[in-house]
Amino acid sequence: MELAVNDLSDLPQVAKQLLAFASNEKIFIFEGDMGAGKTTFIKTFCKVLGVEDVVSSPTYSIVNEYESPNGSIFHFDFYRIKDIQEAYDLGYEEYFYGGGTCLIEWPERVAELLPDHFVKVEIAIIDENRRVFSLSKV
């Protein structure tokens, strides 16, 4: 499924479509170049999921936890990990297989640890304001 975004005001609708597309999946990976808008979109997606906390990038902490009406949401940013051992030290299994919702930026850095099934969100930059979101289930 592909969705065009012309500006930030389109993101809530894309987030709602992603939620409907995902059905019962709890693991989401977000791919796109630096500056594609992964964190910006995740902030909007968290609002759709009912998160009332301030959502921010976990670039330095690697993972942030938020509460929603449907349980815990874990937002990962693996951009800065130096090796896969850091994911093991973080206890990734408890997050990925613990029943909470996981939103994972830079998943290619931990590709061998990802569960067998997840929703993949690819964000392609068209120009400064426009993006194309491609949604798929793996």
Protein backbone atom coordinates (compact mmCIF):
# COMPACT_ATOMS: atom_id res chain seq x y z
CA MET A 1 0.00 0.00 0.00
CA GLU A 2 1.38 3.42 -0.94
CA LEU A 3 0.25 6.71 0.56
CA ALA A 4 1.29 10.17 -0.64
CA VAL A 5 1.94 12.91 1.90
CA ASN A 6 2.00 16.49 0.68
CA ASP A 7 2.60 18.15 4.06
CA LEU A 8 2.54 17.49 7.79
CA SER A 9 -1.24 17.88 7.96
CA ASP A 10 -1.57 14.58 6.05
CA LEU A 11 0.27 12.56 8.73
CA PRO A 12 -2.70 11.87 11.06
CA GLN A 13 -4.63 10.26 8.19
CA VAL A 14 -1.60 8.15 7.22
CA ALA A 15 -1.20 7.09 10.86
CA LYS A 16 -4.84 5.99 11.01
CA GLN A 17 -4.42 4.03 7.77
CA LEU A 18 -1.29 2.38 9.14
CA LEU A 19 -3.16 1.33 12.27
CA ALA A 20 -5.98 -0.17 10.18
CA PHE A 21 -3.49 -1.85 7.83
CA ALA A 22 -1.53 -3.36 10.74
CA SER A 23 -4.57 -5.10 12.17
CA ASN A 24 -3.16 -6.90 15.23
CA GLU A 25 0.57 -6.57 14.46
CA LYS A 26 2.61 -4.99 17.25
CA ILE A 27 6.04 -4.63 15.65
CA PHE A 28 6.62 -1.74 13.22
CA ILE A 29 9.87 -0.96 11.47
CA PHE A 30 10.49 2.43 9.87
CA GLU A 31 12.93 2.80 7.01
CA GLY A 32 13.99 5.92 5.19
CA ASP A 33 16.93 8.20 4.67
CA MET A 34 18.11 10.56 7.38
CA GLY A 35 15.60 13.41 7.44
CA ALA A 36 12.81 11.42 5.80
CA GLY A 37 10.53 12.05 8.77
CA LYS A 38 10.56 8.75 10.66
CA THR A 39 10.49 10.33 14.13
CA THR A 40 8.04 13.03 13.03
CA PHE A 41 5.67 10.35 11.78
CA ILE A 42 6.13 8.20 14.89
CA LYS A 43 5.08 11.19 17.03
CA THR A 44 1.83 11.39 15.04
CA PHE A 45 1.34 7.62 15.12
CA CYS A 46 1.73 7.62 18.91
CA LYS A 47 -1.01 10.26 19.18
CA VAL A 48 -3.30 8.03 17.11
CA LEU A 49 -2.42 5.17 19.48
CA GLY A 50 -3.55 7.33 22.40
CA VAL A 51 -0.18 8.35 23.85
CA GLU A 52 -0.47 11.54 25.86
CA ASP A 53 3.22 11.76 26.83
CA VAL A 54 5.68 13.91 24.92
CA VAL A 55 7.17 11.68 22.22
CA SER A 56 10.80 12.36 21.38
CA SER A 57 13.62 10.66 19.55
CA PRO A 58 15.43 8.00 21.59
CA THR A 59 18.66 8.64 19.66
CA TYR A 60 20.84 8.61 22.76
CA SER A 61 18.78 6.43 25.09
CA ILE A 62 18.06 3.91 22.26
CA VAL A 63 14.56 3.23 23.62
CA ASN A 64 11.77 5.40 25.03
CA GLU A 65 8.65 3.96 26.65
CA TYR A 66 5.20 5.50 26.41
CA GLU A 67 1.87 4.41 27.82
CA SER A 68 -1.28 4.15 25.72
CA PRO A 69 -4.81 2.95 26.52
CA ASN A 70 -3.81 -0.38 24.91
CA GLY A 71 -0.54 -0.88 26.77
CA SER A 72 3.12 0.02 26.52
CA ILE A 73 4.72 1.42 23.40
CA PHE A 74 8.48 1.17 22.92
CA HIS A 75 10.18 3.53 20.48
CA PHE A 76 13.65 2.43 19.37
CA ASP A 77 16.31 4.33 17.47
CA PHE A 78 19.20 1.99 16.65
CA TYR A 79 21.12 4.55 14.58
CA ARG A 80 23.89 5.02 17.14
CA ILE A 81 24.49 1.42 18.25
CA LYS A 82 28.02 0.34 17.54
CA ASP A 83 27.41 -3.41 17.47
CA ILE A 84 24.63 -5.95 17.93
CA GLN A 85 25.78 -6.66 21.51
CA GLU A 86 24.26 -3.31 22.56
CA ALA A 87 20.82 -4.62 21.53
CA TYR A 88 21.42 -7.78 23.57
CA ASP A 89 22.52 -5.68 26.54
CA LEU A 90 19.36 -3.61 26.20
CA GLY A 91 17.29 -6.79 26.54
CA TYR A 92 15.67 -6.52 23.13
CA GLU A 93 13.87 -9.88 23.57
CA GLU A 94 11.72 -8.53 26.40
CA TYR A 95 10.64 -5.64 24.21
CA PHE A 96 10.23 -7.41 20.85
CA TYR A 97 8.49 -10.47 22.30
CA GLY A 98 6.86 -9.01 25.42
CA GLY A 99 3.50 -8.07 23.92
CA GLY A 100 3.99 -4.30 23.79
CA THR A 101 3.97 -2.26 20.62
CA CYS A 102 7.46 -1.65 19.19
CA LEU A 103 8.28 1.20 16.82
CA ILE A 104 11.78 0.65 15.42
CA GLU A 105 13.88 3.23 13.58
CA TRP A 106 17.06 2.07 11.77
CA PRO A 107 15.98 -1.61 11.93
CA GLU A 108 18.73 -2.64 9.49
CA ARG A 109 21.20 -2.25 12.37
CA VAL A 110 19.49 -5.12 14.23
CA ALA A 111 18.06 -7.02 11.25
CA GLU A 112 19.04 -10.46 12.57
CA LEU A 113 17.14 -9.81 15.81
CA LEU A 114 13.83 -8.72 14.32
CA PRO A 115 10.80 -10.99 14.80
CA ASP A 116 9.56 -13.01 11.84
CA HIS A 117 6.45 -10.86 11.40
CA PHE A 118 6.21 -7.08 11.42
CA VAL A 119 4.79 -4.11 9.56
CA LYS A 120 7.31 -2.29 7.40
CA VAL A 121 6.91 1.44 6.79
CA GLU A 122 9.19 2.86 4.12
CA ILE A 123 9.32 6.63 3.78
CA ALA A 124 10.65 8.00 0.50
CA ILE A 125 11.53 11.66 0.13
CA ILE A 126 9.99 13.28 -2.95
CA ASP A 127 10.95 16.86 -2.10
CA GLU A 128 11.22 19.13 0.95
CA ASN A 129 7.58 18.63 1.96
CA ARG A 130 6.32 15.56 0.10
CA ARG A 131 6.85 11.92 1.04
CA VAL A 132 5.54 8.56 -0.11
CA PHE A 133 4.79 5.98 2.59
CA SER A 134 4.90 2.34 1.53
CA LEU A 135 3.27 -0.10 3.95
CA SER A 136 3.82 -3.85 3.85
CA LYS A 137 3.59 -6.86 6.13
CA VAL A 138 6.55 -9.17 6.43
